[in-house]
Amino acid sequence: MTRQEEQTITPNQDFKKPTSRKNDEHKRQTSYRNYKTDQPFDFIDYKLKLIIKLAEKIQGSYESAYKAVFVQILRSFIDQIDTWDSKSSMDEVYNFAIDTINEIFIRIKADYFKKYGLKDDIVQEEIDYEVNYKDFISQLEKIKLKYSKKYQLKRRIDEETGIYKSYAIYNDRTETYIERIKINYFFYAIEKDCIGLDQIIIAMHKKLEETFLDLIEIDSHLKRLESEVNSLSYADLMVLFEELLDSYQRKKSLSEIKRKITYLNEKITEKKLKHKRINTP
């Protein structure tokens, strides 16, 4: 999941789970005795193991939008764990931290499903919330690839339009017009719930081919118009041509550019007729 794909979650300021504190003597000790087994119990070693396990739980989240939330949980756990006076108390606060992370996982999953149009009643895979962050996100990514209608549609449209990159006329300008058409047909297909998708794809290809022909024609018109405007040397025609050229360079709609071409052609014709009348004996 990319950073843009993630939703920011506000850290839980009330993470601390109250329980009894050890006295000062206990805090100074490095090991304790488990009176049930009469065996020494190393609290420091156990504490380190729990910290490592919790750190492993949030593995993979350090470059994500959730970094702050998970790091806060880990830090809060480290700050608190030295105040617990038994293994059961340490386990309790550890389990509370894990439960808190898993609750965030559930919220991430809900946002993720909403973003990619995934439905709980369609997805058959069981999501394992006990894994670490990295593996949890990996589960969601696999589900997205398998079930997301929008994702699958986008991938097909990208594949279908890849051929146009090999066209001689393909450049930054034509790419912009291609992307606009792809977006229009993407949302049209979504609106139709992808019913009749093959026909929608065919219509998209037809529109793209028409657009390429329009662009070739526009390039030809621009070269001719530039020559004519320069030869006539009328200031108002120069202004109209510059406005036309600016629209093309700024990748305005092709319909707008065609209107400007038609209008400039008409003005050029008027100038030529006027010039002819003036110079006819």
Protein backbone atom coordinates (compact mmCIF):
# COMPACT_ATOMS: atom_id res chain seq x y z
CA MET A 1 0.00 0.00 0.00
CA THR A 2 1.43 3.39 -0.94
CA ARG A 3 1.40 6.37 1.34
CA GLN A 4 -1.26 7.99 -0.78
CA GLU A 5 -3.44 4.92 -0.50
CA GLU A 6 -3.41 4.95 3.31
CA GLN A 7 -5.71 6.86 5.65
CA THR A 8 -4.16 8.74 8.57
CA ILE A 9 -5.22 7.33 11.92
CA THR A 10 -4.92 9.46 15.03
CA PRO A 11 -2.79 7.81 17.72
CA ASN A 12 -4.69 6.57 20.73
CA GLN A 13 -3.70 8.92 23.53
CA ASP A 14 -5.35 6.63 26.11
CA PHE A 15 -3.31 3.55 25.26
CA LYS A 16 -2.10 3.03 28.84
CA LYS A 17 -3.83 0.19 30.66
CA PRO A 18 -3.81 0.78 34.46
CA THR A 19 -2.56 -1.90 36.81
CA SER A 20 -0.51 -2.13 39.99
CA ARG A 21 3.05 -0.78 40.06
CA LYS A 22 6.07 -2.53 41.48
CA ASN A 23 7.70 -1.05 44.51
CA ASP A 24 11.17 0.51 44.32
CA GLU A 25 12.83 -2.66 45.54
CA HIS A 26 11.29 -4.65 42.72
CA LYS A 27 12.36 -2.05 40.18
CA ARG A 28 15.98 -2.46 41.24
CA GLN A 29 15.96 -6.23 40.90
CA THR A 30 16.99 -7.91 37.66
CA SER A 31 15.27 -11.29 38.21
CA TYR A 32 12.40 -12.76 40.21
CA ARG A 33 11.27 -16.14 41.35
CA ASN A 34 8.27 -17.99 40.04
CA TYR A 35 6.97 -19.41 43.29
CA LYS A 36 4.79 -22.01 41.62
CA THR A 37 7.81 -23.72 40.05
CA ASP A 38 10.42 -22.36 42.43
CA GLN A 39 12.47 -21.33 39.38
CA PRO A 40 14.02 -17.91 38.83
CA PHE A 41 12.06 -15.80 36.38
CA ASP A 42 14.08 -13.22 34.46
CA PHE A 43 11.81 -10.21 34.04
CA ILE A 44 14.37 -8.26 32.00
CA ASP A 45 14.81 -11.09 29.51
CA TYR A 46 11.04 -11.54 29.24
CA LYS A 47 10.55 -7.81 28.84
CA LEU A 48 13.02 -7.73 25.94
CA LYS A 49 11.28 -10.67 24.28
CA LEU A 50 7.92 -8.91 24.44
CA ILE A 51 9.40 -5.68 23.07
CA ILE A 52 10.95 -7.59 20.16
CA LYS A 53 7.66 -9.38 19.45
CA LEU A 54 5.77 -6.09 19.45
CA ALA A 55 8.38 -4.47 17.21
CA GLU A 56 8.04 -7.41 14.81
CA LYS A 57 4.26 -6.90 14.79
CA ILE A 58 4.65 -3.42 13.27
CA GLN A 59 7.38 -4.49 10.85
CA GLY A 60 6.96 -2.82 7.48
CA SER A 61 5.02 0.19 8.75
CA TYR A 62 7.96 2.55 9.13
CA GLU A 63 7.58 4.01 5.64
CA SER A 64 3.80 4.21 5.88
CA ALA A 65 1.31 6.82 7.01
CA TYR A 66 0.73 4.67 10.12
CA LYS A 67 4.29 4.96 11.37
CA ALA A 68 3.50 7.50 14.09
CA VAL A 69 0.59 5.49 15.46
CA PHE A 70 2.46 2.21 15.71
CA VAL A 71 5.64 3.77 17.06
CA GLN A 72 3.59 5.47 19.77
CA ILE A 73 2.07 2.14 20.79
CA LEU A 74 5.52 0.53 20.96
CA ARG A 75 7.00 3.42 22.95
CA SER A 76 4.07 3.47 25.32
CA PHE A 77 4.48 -0.27 25.85
CA ILE A 78 8.20 0.13 26.59
CA ASP A 79 7.50 2.99 29.01
CA GLN A 80 4.88 1.01 30.90
CA ILE A 81 6.29 -2.47 31.00
CA ASP A 82 8.85 -1.63 33.67
CA THR A 83 6.01 -0.81 36.06
CA TRP A 84 4.40 -4.27 36.04
CA ASP A 85 5.09 -6.60 38.95
CA SER A 86 4.33 -10.02 37.45
CA LYS A 87 4.54 -12.01 34.24
CA SER A 88 0.75 -12.00 34.00
CA SER A 89 0.72 -8.20 34.23
CA MET A 90 3.34 -7.98 31.49
CA ASP A 91 1.34 -10.36 29.32
CA GLU A 92 -1.77 -8.33 29.95
CA VAL A 93 -0.29 -5.06 28.74
CA TYR A 94 1.36 -6.84 25.79
CA ASN A 95 -1.96 -8.39 24.73
CA PHE A 96 -3.61 -5.01 25.09
CA ALA A 97 -1.02 -3.49 22.73
CA ILE A 98 -1.53 -6.29 20.20
CA ASP A 99 -5.31 -5.87 20.39
CA THR A 100 -4.92 -2.14 19.79
CA ILE A 101 -2.81 -2.77 16.68
CA ASN A 102 -5.27 -5.37 15.40
CA GLU A 103 -8.13 -2.89 15.83
CA ILE A 104 -6.18 -0.47 13.62
CA PHE A 105 -5.66 -3.29 11.11
CA ILE A 106 -9.44 -3.73 10.97
CA ARG A 107 -9.89 -0.02 10.24
CA ILE A 108 -7.17 -0.15 7.56
CA LYS A 109 -8.90 -3.11 5.93
CA ALA A 110 -12.26 -1.30 5.92
CA ASP A 111 -10.75 1.80 4.28
CA TYR A 112 -8.83 -0.36 1.82
CA PHE A 113 -11.93 -2.31 0.77
CA LYS A 114 -13.87 0.92 0.30
CA LYS A 115 -11.10 2.46 -1.82
CA TYR A 116 -10.89 -0.49 -4.19
CA GLY A 117 -14.56 -1.42 -4.32
CA LEU A 118 -14.07 -4.71 -2.47
CA LYS A 119 -17.05 -6.37 -0.78
CA ASP A 120 -16.90 -8.58 2.31
CA ASP A 121 -19.58 -10.86 0.90
CA ILE A 122 -17.51 -11.48 -2.24
CA VAL A 123 -14.03 -11.90 -0.80
CA GLN A 124 -13.64 -15.54 0.23
CA GLU A 125 -10.19 -15.31 1.80
CA GLU A 126 -9.94 -15.08 5.59
CA ILE A 127 -7.75 -12.19 6.68
CA ASP A 128 -5.20 -13.06 9.35
CA TYR A 129 -4.89 -10.12 11.76
CA GLU A 130 -2.24 -11.81 13.90
CA VAL A 131 0.52 -11.29 11.32
CA ASN A 132 2.80 -8.25 11.19
CA TYR A 133 1.94 -5.07 9.30
CA LYS A 134 3.95 -6.01 6.21
CA ASP A 135 2.25 -9.39 5.82
CA PHE A 136 -1.15 -7.87 6.62
CA ILE A 137 -0.81 -5.34 3.78
CA SER A 138 0.42 -8.12 1.51
CA GLN A 139 -2.85 -9.98 2.15
CA LEU A 140 -4.86 -6.90 1.16
CA GLU A 141 -2.80 -6.41 -2.01
CA LYS A 142 -3.43 -10.01 -3.09
CA ILE A 143 -7.15 -9.62 -2.47
CA LYS A 144 -7.17 -6.37 -4.47
CA LEU A 145 -5.53 -8.06 -7.45
CA LYS A 146 -8.06 -10.87 -7.35
CA TYR A 147 -11.32 -9.06 -6.60
CA SER A 148 -11.12 -5.33 -7.20
CA LYS A 149 -13.29 -4.47 -10.20
CA LYS A 150 -11.86 -0.98 -10.48
CA TYR A 151 -8.29 -2.19 -10.24
CA GLN A 152 -8.86 -4.93 -12.82
CA LEU A 153 -10.59 -2.46 -15.13
CA LYS A 154 -7.78 0.07 -14.87
CA ARG A 155 -5.21 -2.62 -15.58
CA ARG A 156 -7.10 -3.78 -18.68
CA ILE A 157 -7.49 -0.24 -20.01
CA ASP A 158 -3.77 0.37 -19.48
CA GLU A 159 -2.94 -2.84 -21.32
CA GLU A 160 -5.36 -2.07 -24.15
CA THR A 161 -3.94 1.41 -24.72
CA GLY A 162 -0.26 0.43 -24.44
CA ILE A 163 -0.09 -0.03 -28.23
CA TYR A 164 -0.50 3.71 -28.81
CA LYS A 165 2.89 4.43 -27.30
CA SER A 166 4.46 2.94 -30.44
CA TYR A 167 2.74 5.48 -32.72
CA ALA A 168 5.06 7.99 -34.38
CA ILE A 169 2.82 10.86 -33.27
CA TYR A 170 2.95 9.77 -29.62
CA ASN A 171 4.40 12.47 -27.35
CA ASP A 172 3.58 14.35 -24.17
CA ARG A 173 0.68 16.13 -25.86
CA THR A 174 -0.93 13.01 -27.34
CA GLU A 175 -0.38 11.19 -24.04
CA THR A 176 -2.49 13.83 -22.28
CA TYR A 177 -5.38 13.36 -24.72
CA ILE A 178 -5.07 9.56 -24.40
CA GLU A 179 -5.24 9.76 -20.60
CA ARG A 180 -8.35 11.93 -20.77
CA ILE A 181 -10.10 9.40 -22.99
CA LYS A 182 -9.00 6.52 -20.76
CA ILE A 183 -10.41 8.28 -17.69
CA ASN A 184 -13.71 9.02 -19.42
CA TYR A 185 -14.19 5.42 -20.50
CA PHE A 186 -13.02 4.11 -17.13
CA PHE A 187 -15.77 5.99 -15.29
CA TYR A 188 -18.28 5.15 -18.00
CA ALA A 189 -17.51 1.44 -17.50
CA ILE A 190 -17.80 1.82 -13.73
CA GLU A 191 -21.14 3.58 -14.17
CA LYS A 192 -22.31 0.61 -16.26
CA ASP A 193 -20.92 -1.78 -13.63
CA CYS A 194 -18.61 -3.12 -16.38
CA ILE A 195 -21.58 -4.66 -18.19
CA GLY A 196 -20.75 -4.88 -21.91
CA LEU A 197 -17.10 -4.08 -21.16
CA ASP A 198 -15.80 -5.50 -24.44
CA GLN A 199 -18.01 -3.11 -26.40
CA ILE A 200 -16.93 -0.23 -24.18
CA ILE A 201 -13.27 -1.07 -24.90
CA ILE A 202 -14.00 -1.18 -28.64
CA ALA A 203 -15.65 2.25 -28.43
CA MET A 204 -12.64 3.58 -26.53
CA HIS A 205 -10.26 2.35 -29.25
CA LYS A 206 -12.42 4.00 -31.90
CA LYS A 207 -12.31 7.29 -29.99
CA LEU A 208 -8.54 7.04 -29.59
CA GLU A 209 -8.01 6.37 -33.29
CA GLU A 210 -10.22 9.35 -34.15
CA THR A 211 -8.23 11.49 -31.74
CA PHE A 212 -4.94 10.53 -33.36
CA LEU A 213 -6.33 11.43 -36.78
CA ASP A 214 -7.55 14.75 -35.38
CA LEU A 215 -4.11 15.50 -33.95
CA ILE A 216 -2.41 14.70 -37.25
CA GLU A 217 -4.87 16.96 -39.05
CA ILE A 218 -4.40 19.75 -36.51
CA ASP A 219 -0.61 19.59 -36.92
CA SER A 220 -1.08 19.94 -40.67
CA HIS A 221 -3.47 22.90 -40.25
CA LEU A 222 -1.07 24.66 -37.91
CA LYS A 223 1.82 24.47 -40.38
CA ARG A 224 -0.37 25.79 -43.21
CA LEU A 225 -1.94 28.53 -41.11
CA GLU A 226 1.40 29.73 -39.81
CA SER A 227 2.65 30.09 -43.36
CA GLU A 228 -0.48 31.92 -44.53
CA VAL A 229 -0.61 34.27 -41.55
CA ASN A 230 3.05 35.19 -41.98
CA SER A 231 2.59 35.84 -45.70
CA LEU A 232 -0.45 38.07 -45.18
CA SER A 233 1.18 40.05 -42.32
CA TYR A 234 -2.05 41.16 -40.64
CA ALA A 235 -1.65 41.85 -36.92
CA ASP A 236 -5.11 40.58 -36.02
CA LEU A 237 -4.45 37.28 -37.82
CA MET A 238 -1.16 36.98 -35.94
CA VAL A 239 -3.00 37.37 -32.65
CA LEU A 240 -5.58 34.74 -33.61
CA PHE A 241 -2.86 32.30 -34.64
CA GLU A 242 -0.96 32.82 -31.38
CA GLU A 243 -4.14 32.15 -29.41
CA LEU A 244 -4.69 28.98 -31.43
CA LEU A 245 -1.13 27.83 -30.91
CA ASP A 246 -1.36 28.59 -27.18
CA SER A 247 -4.52 26.45 -26.87
CA TYR A 248 -2.77 23.58 -28.61
CA GLN A 249 0.35 23.85 -26.48
CA ARG A 250 -1.76 23.98 -23.32
CA LYS A 251 -3.60 20.84 -24.48
CA LYS A 252 -7.05 22.36 -24.55
CA SER A 253 -9.95 20.28 -25.79
CA LEU A 254 -9.71 19.30 -29.45
CA SER A 255 -13.18 20.71 -30.11
CA GLU A 256 -12.01 24.12 -28.89
CA ILE A 257 -8.88 23.95 -31.05
CA LYS A 258 -10.94 22.95 -34.11
CA ARG A 259 -13.25 25.93 -33.54
CA LYS A 260 -10.25 28.27 -33.44
CA ILE A 261 -8.89 26.74 -36.66
CA THR A 262 -12.24 27.21 -38.41
CA TYR A 263 -12.51 30.80 -37.18
CA LEU A 264 -8.97 31.65 -38.29
CA ASN A 265 -9.59 30.10 -41.70
CA GLU A 266 -12.66 32.27 -42.10
CA LYS A 267 -10.72 35.42 -41.16
CA ILE A 268 -7.94 34.53 -43.57
CA THR A 269 -10.48 34.05 -46.36
CA GLU A 270 -12.05 37.44 -45.57
CA LYS A 271 -8.65 39.14 -45.69
CA LYS A 272 -7.81 37.51 -49.01
CA LEU A 273 -11.14 38.54 -50.56
CA LYS A 274 -10.76 42.08 -49.26
CA HIS A 275 -7.21 42.22 -50.59
CA LYS A 276 -8.42 40.89 -53.97
CA ARG A 277 -11.19 43.50 -54.24
CA ILE A 278 -8.85 46.31 -53.41
CA ASN A 279 -6.32 45.20 -55.95
CA THR A 280 -8.79 44.34 -58.75
CA PRO A 281 -8.85 47.08 -61.41
